[in-house]
């Protein structure tokens, strides 16, 4: 497939990420551009695009961290529900055998 050329904050780079299409990479690049623009508006005292890139990376890392926590919570919830269902099923089956 090959790399896709992207531009974020006037910096161009060729990107290739295994498992992602060029369209997906371009979409991610647009998300990063949008996030950097939002952060630039919120932090007008930061004029350096490298610092904005670091700030953007921190925000994405925080989002990822929150998603991992939510995913763990969901997994625990599903496991608890599955265990409860299995217990009810065992009880129902043991009652049917009598």
N, C-alpha and C. Protein backbone atom coordinates (compact mmCIF):
# COMPACT_ATOMS: atom_id res chain seq x y z
N UNK A 1 0.83 -1.18 0.00
CA UNK A 1 0.00 0.00 0.00
C UNK A 1 0.87 1.24 0.00
N UNK A 2 1.83 1.34 0.87
CA UNK A 2 2.74 2.47 0.88
C UNK A 2 2.31 3.59 1.82
N UNK A 3 3.24 4.47 2.09
CA UNK A 3 2.96 5.57 3.03
C UNK A 3 2.03 6.62 2.42
N UNK A 4 1.40 7.36 3.31
CA UNK A 4 0.55 8.47 2.90
C UNK A 4 1.20 9.75 3.40
N UNK A 5 1.24 10.76 2.55
CA UNK A 5 1.81 12.05 2.93
C UNK A 5 0.75 12.84 3.69
N UNK A 6 1.10 13.28 4.89
CA UNK A 6 0.19 14.08 5.69
C UNK A 6 0.87 15.40 6.06
N UNK A 7 0.07 16.39 6.35
CA UNK A 7 0.60 17.68 6.80
C UNK A 7 -0.18 18.10 8.03
N UNK A 8 0.57 18.37 9.09
CA UNK A 8 -0.02 18.83 10.34
C UNK A 8 0.78 20.04 10.79
N UNK A 9 0.10 21.15 10.96
CA UNK A 9 0.74 22.40 11.39
C UNK A 9 1.95 22.74 10.53
N UNK A 10 1.74 22.66 9.22
CA UNK A 10 2.74 23.02 8.22
C UNK A 10 3.96 22.10 8.20
N UNK A 11 3.86 20.95 8.86
CA UNK A 11 4.92 19.95 8.81
C UNK A 11 4.41 18.75 8.03
N UNK A 12 5.19 18.37 7.02
CA UNK A 12 4.80 17.23 6.19
C UNK A 12 5.62 16.01 6.58
N UNK A 13 4.93 14.86 6.55
CA UNK A 13 5.60 13.61 6.87
C UNK A 13 4.87 12.48 6.15
N UNK A 14 5.63 11.48 5.73
CA UNK A 14 5.05 10.29 5.12
C UNK A 14 4.84 9.26 6.23
N UNK A 15 3.62 8.74 6.32
CA UNK A 15 3.26 7.84 7.41
C UNK A 15 2.70 6.55 6.84
N UNK A 16 3.16 5.44 7.42
CA UNK A 16 2.62 4.13 7.10
C UNK A 16 2.46 3.38 8.41
N UNK A 17 1.25 2.94 8.70
CA UNK A 17 0.98 2.24 9.95
C UNK A 17 0.35 0.89 9.60
N UNK A 18 0.99 -0.16 10.03
CA UNK A 18 0.50 -1.50 9.73
C UNK A 18 -0.91 -1.68 10.27
N UNK A 19 -1.78 -2.21 9.43
CA UNK A 19 -3.16 -2.46 9.82
C UNK A 19 -4.11 -1.31 9.56
N UNK A 20 -3.59 -0.17 9.10
CA UNK A 20 -4.45 0.96 8.78
C UNK A 20 -4.33 1.31 7.30
N UNK A 21 -5.45 1.70 6.71
CA UNK A 21 -5.44 2.12 5.31
C UNK A 21 -4.97 3.57 5.23
N UNK A 22 -4.66 4.00 4.03
CA UNK A 22 -4.26 5.39 3.82
C UNK A 22 -5.38 6.35 4.21
N UNK A 23 -6.61 5.95 3.97
CA UNK A 23 -7.76 6.80 4.34
C UNK A 23 -7.85 6.91 5.87
N UNK A 24 -7.64 5.82 6.56
CA UNK A 24 -7.68 5.85 8.03
C UNK A 24 -6.56 6.71 8.60
N UNK A 25 -5.37 6.61 8.01
CA UNK A 25 -4.24 7.43 8.46
C UNK A 25 -4.53 8.90 8.21
N UNK A 26 -5.07 9.21 7.04
CA UNK A 26 -5.41 10.61 6.73
C UNK A 26 -6.47 11.14 7.70
N UNK A 27 -7.42 10.30 8.06
CA UNK A 27 -8.45 10.70 9.02
C UNK A 27 -7.84 10.96 10.40
N UNK A 28 -6.93 10.10 10.82
CA UNK A 28 -6.24 10.31 12.10
C UNK A 28 -5.44 11.61 12.07
N UNK A 29 -4.78 11.86 10.95
CA UNK A 29 -3.99 13.08 10.81
C UNK A 29 -4.89 14.31 10.93
N UNK A 30 -6.08 14.25 10.35
CA UNK A 30 -7.03 15.36 10.47
C UNK A 30 -7.46 15.54 11.92
N UNK A 31 -7.69 14.44 12.63
CA UNK A 31 -8.04 14.52 14.05
C UNK A 31 -6.94 15.19 14.85
N UNK A 32 -5.69 14.83 14.55
CA UNK A 32 -4.55 15.43 15.25
C UNK A 32 -4.46 16.92 14.92
N UNK A 33 -4.62 17.26 13.65
CA UNK A 33 -4.61 18.67 13.24
C UNK A 33 -5.69 19.45 13.97
N UNK A 34 -6.89 18.90 14.02
CA UNK A 34 -8.01 19.57 14.70
C UNK A 34 -7.73 19.74 16.19
N UNK A 35 -7.19 18.70 16.81
CA UNK A 35 -6.88 18.76 18.25
C UNK A 35 -5.80 19.81 18.52
N UNK A 36 -4.79 19.84 17.65
CA UNK A 36 -3.72 20.84 17.83
C UNK A 36 -4.27 22.26 17.66
N UNK A 37 -5.15 22.44 16.69
CA UNK A 37 -5.76 23.77 16.49
C UNK A 37 -6.58 24.17 17.72
N UNK A 38 -7.36 23.24 18.26
CA UNK A 38 -8.13 23.53 19.47
C UNK A 38 -7.22 23.90 20.63
N UNK A 39 -6.16 23.13 20.82
CA UNK A 39 -5.24 23.41 21.91
C UNK A 39 -4.50 24.73 21.70
N UNK A 40 -4.20 25.05 20.44
CA UNK A 40 -3.54 26.32 20.14
C UNK A 40 -4.45 27.49 20.51
N UNK A 41 -5.75 27.34 20.23
CA UNK A 41 -6.70 28.40 20.60
C UNK A 41 -6.83 28.53 22.12
N UNK A 42 -6.80 27.40 22.81
CA UNK A 42 -6.94 27.41 24.27
C UNK A 42 -5.67 27.86 24.98
N UNK A 43 -4.54 27.72 24.32
CA UNK A 43 -3.24 28.03 24.92
C UNK A 43 -2.48 28.99 24.01
N UNK A 44 -2.98 30.18 23.89
CA UNK A 44 -2.38 31.16 22.97
C UNK A 44 -0.95 31.53 23.35
N UNK A 45 -0.57 31.23 24.58
CA UNK A 45 0.80 31.52 25.02
C UNK A 45 1.81 30.51 24.46
N UNK A 46 1.33 29.41 23.86
CA UNK A 46 2.23 28.42 23.26
C UNK A 46 2.24 28.63 21.75
N UNK A 47 3.33 29.18 21.24
CA UNK A 47 3.44 29.45 19.81
C UNK A 47 4.25 28.38 19.09
N UNK A 48 4.99 27.60 19.83
CA UNK A 48 5.88 26.57 19.28
C UNK A 48 5.06 25.33 18.93
N UNK A 49 5.08 24.95 17.64
CA UNK A 49 4.29 23.79 17.22
C UNK A 49 4.80 22.49 17.85
N UNK A 50 6.09 22.42 18.16
CA UNK A 50 6.61 21.22 18.83
C UNK A 50 5.99 21.08 20.23
N UNK A 51 5.86 22.19 20.93
CA UNK A 51 5.23 22.14 22.26
C UNK A 51 3.75 21.79 22.14
N UNK A 52 3.08 22.32 21.12
CA UNK A 52 1.68 21.96 20.90
C UNK A 52 1.55 20.48 20.57
N UNK A 53 2.50 19.95 19.82
CA UNK A 53 2.49 18.52 19.49
C UNK A 53 2.63 17.68 20.76
N UNK A 54 3.51 18.11 21.66
CA UNK A 54 3.68 17.40 22.93
C UNK A 54 2.39 17.47 23.75
N UNK A 55 1.80 18.65 23.82
CA UNK A 55 0.54 18.82 24.55
C UNK A 55 -0.55 17.95 23.95
N UNK A 56 -0.61 17.90 22.63
CA UNK A 56 -1.59 17.06 21.94
C UNK A 56 -1.35 15.59 22.27
N UNK A 57 -0.10 15.17 22.26
CA UNK A 57 0.22 13.78 22.59
C UNK A 57 -0.21 13.44 24.02
N UNK A 58 0.00 14.38 24.94
CA UNK A 58 -0.41 14.15 26.33
C UNK A 58 -1.92 13.99 26.41
N UNK A 59 -2.66 14.84 25.70
CA UNK A 59 -4.13 14.74 25.70
C UNK A 59 -4.58 13.41 25.11
N UNK A 60 -3.96 12.98 24.01
CA UNK A 60 -4.32 11.68 23.44
C UNK A 60 -3.94 10.54 24.39
N UNK A 61 -2.82 10.65 25.06
CA UNK A 61 -2.43 9.62 26.03
C UNK A 61 -3.43 9.57 27.19
N UNK A 62 -3.89 10.73 27.63
CA UNK A 62 -4.90 10.78 28.70
C UNK A 62 -6.20 10.14 28.24
N UNK A 63 -6.61 10.44 27.01
CA UNK A 63 -7.82 9.81 26.46
C UNK A 63 -7.66 8.29 26.42
N UNK A 64 -6.51 7.83 25.97
CA UNK A 64 -6.24 6.41 25.89
C UNK A 64 -6.27 5.77 27.28
N UNK A 65 -5.69 6.44 28.24
CA UNK A 65 -5.66 5.95 29.63
C UNK A 65 -7.09 5.81 30.17
N UNK A 66 -7.92 6.82 29.91
CA UNK A 66 -9.31 6.77 30.36
C UNK A 66 -10.07 5.63 29.68
N UNK A 67 -9.82 5.44 28.39
CA UNK A 67 -10.50 4.36 27.66
C UNK A 67 -10.09 2.99 28.19
N UNK A 68 -8.81 2.84 28.52
CA UNK A 68 -8.36 1.57 29.09
C UNK A 68 -9.04 1.30 30.42
N UNK A 69 -9.18 2.34 31.24
CA UNK A 69 -9.87 2.18 32.52
C UNK A 69 -11.32 1.82 32.32
N UNK A 70 -11.98 2.48 31.38
CA UNK A 70 -13.38 2.18 31.09
C UNK A 70 -13.53 0.77 30.55
N UNK A 71 -12.58 0.35 29.72
CA UNK A 71 -12.61 -0.99 29.17
C UNK A 71 -12.45 -2.03 30.28
N UNK A 72 -11.55 -1.78 31.22
CA UNK A 72 -11.36 -2.69 32.34
C UNK A 72 -12.62 -2.77 33.18
N UNK A 73 -13.25 -1.61 33.42
CA UNK A 73 -14.50 -1.59 34.18
C UNK A 73 -15.57 -2.41 33.47
N UNK A 74 -15.66 -2.25 32.15
CA UNK A 74 -16.65 -3.00 31.37
C UNK A 74 -16.37 -4.49 31.42
N UNK A 75 -15.09 -4.86 31.33
CA UNK A 75 -14.73 -6.28 31.39
C UNK A 75 -15.13 -6.87 32.73
N UNK A 76 -14.85 -6.15 33.83
CA UNK A 76 -15.23 -6.64 35.16
C UNK A 76 -16.75 -6.77 35.28
N UNK A 77 -17.49 -5.81 34.74
CA UNK A 77 -18.94 -5.84 34.77
C UNK A 77 -19.46 -7.07 34.02
N UNK A 78 -18.93 -7.31 32.82
CA UNK A 78 -19.35 -8.45 32.02
C UNK A 78 -19.01 -9.76 32.74
N UNK A 79 -17.81 -9.86 33.32
CA UNK A 79 -17.42 -11.07 34.05
C UNK A 79 -18.35 -11.32 35.22
N UNK A 80 -18.71 -10.27 35.96
CA UNK A 80 -19.61 -10.42 37.10
C UNK A 80 -20.98 -10.89 36.63
N UNK A 81 -21.49 -10.30 35.56
CA UNK A 81 -22.78 -10.71 35.03
C UNK A 81 -22.75 -12.15 34.53
N UNK A 82 -21.67 -12.54 33.87
CA UNK A 82 -21.53 -13.91 33.36
C UNK A 82 -21.49 -14.91 34.51
N UNK A 83 -20.76 -14.58 35.57
CA UNK A 83 -20.69 -15.46 36.72
C UNK A 83 -22.07 -15.61 37.37
N UNK A 84 -22.81 -14.51 37.48
CA UNK A 84 -24.15 -14.56 38.05
C UNK A 84 -25.09 -15.40 37.18
N UNK A 85 -24.98 -15.23 35.87
CA UNK A 85 -25.81 -16.02 34.97
C UNK A 85 -25.47 -17.50 35.05
N UNK A 86 -24.18 -17.81 35.13
CA UNK A 86 -23.75 -19.20 35.24
C UNK A 86 -24.28 -19.82 36.54
N UNK A 87 -24.23 -19.07 37.62
CA UNK A 87 -24.73 -19.55 38.90
C UNK A 87 -26.23 -19.83 38.81
N UNK A 88 -26.99 -18.90 38.22
CA UNK A 88 -28.43 -19.10 38.08
C UNK A 88 -28.73 -20.31 37.19
N UNK A 89 -27.94 -20.48 36.14
CA UNK A 89 -28.12 -21.62 35.25
C UNK A 89 -27.85 -22.93 35.97
N UNK A 90 -26.76 -22.97 36.76
CA UNK A 90 -26.44 -24.18 37.53
C UNK A 90 -27.57 -24.51 38.50
N UNK A 91 -28.09 -23.48 39.18
CA UNK A 91 -29.19 -23.69 40.12
C UNK A 91 -30.43 -24.21 39.39
N UNK A 92 -30.73 -23.63 38.23
CA UNK A 92 -31.90 -24.05 37.47
C UNK A 92 -31.76 -25.48 36.99
N UNK A 93 -30.56 -25.82 36.53
CA UNK A 93 -30.32 -27.17 36.04
C UNK A 93 -30.35 -28.20 37.18
N UNK A 94 -29.81 -27.83 38.32
CA UNK A 94 -29.82 -28.77 39.45
C UNK A 94 -31.25 -28.97 39.96
N UNK A 95 -32.07 -27.95 39.90
CA UNK A 95 -33.47 -28.06 40.31
C UNK A 95 -34.28 -28.87 39.31
N UNK A 96 -33.91 -28.85 38.03
CA UNK A 96 -34.64 -29.59 37.01
C UNK A 96 -34.35 -31.07 37.09
N UNK A 97 -33.20 -31.44 37.64
CA UNK A 97 -32.79 -32.85 37.72
C UNK A 97 -33.52 -33.58 38.84
N UNK A 98 -34.03 -32.86 39.79
CA UNK A 98 -34.65 -33.49 40.95
C UNK A 98 -36.01 -34.02 40.65
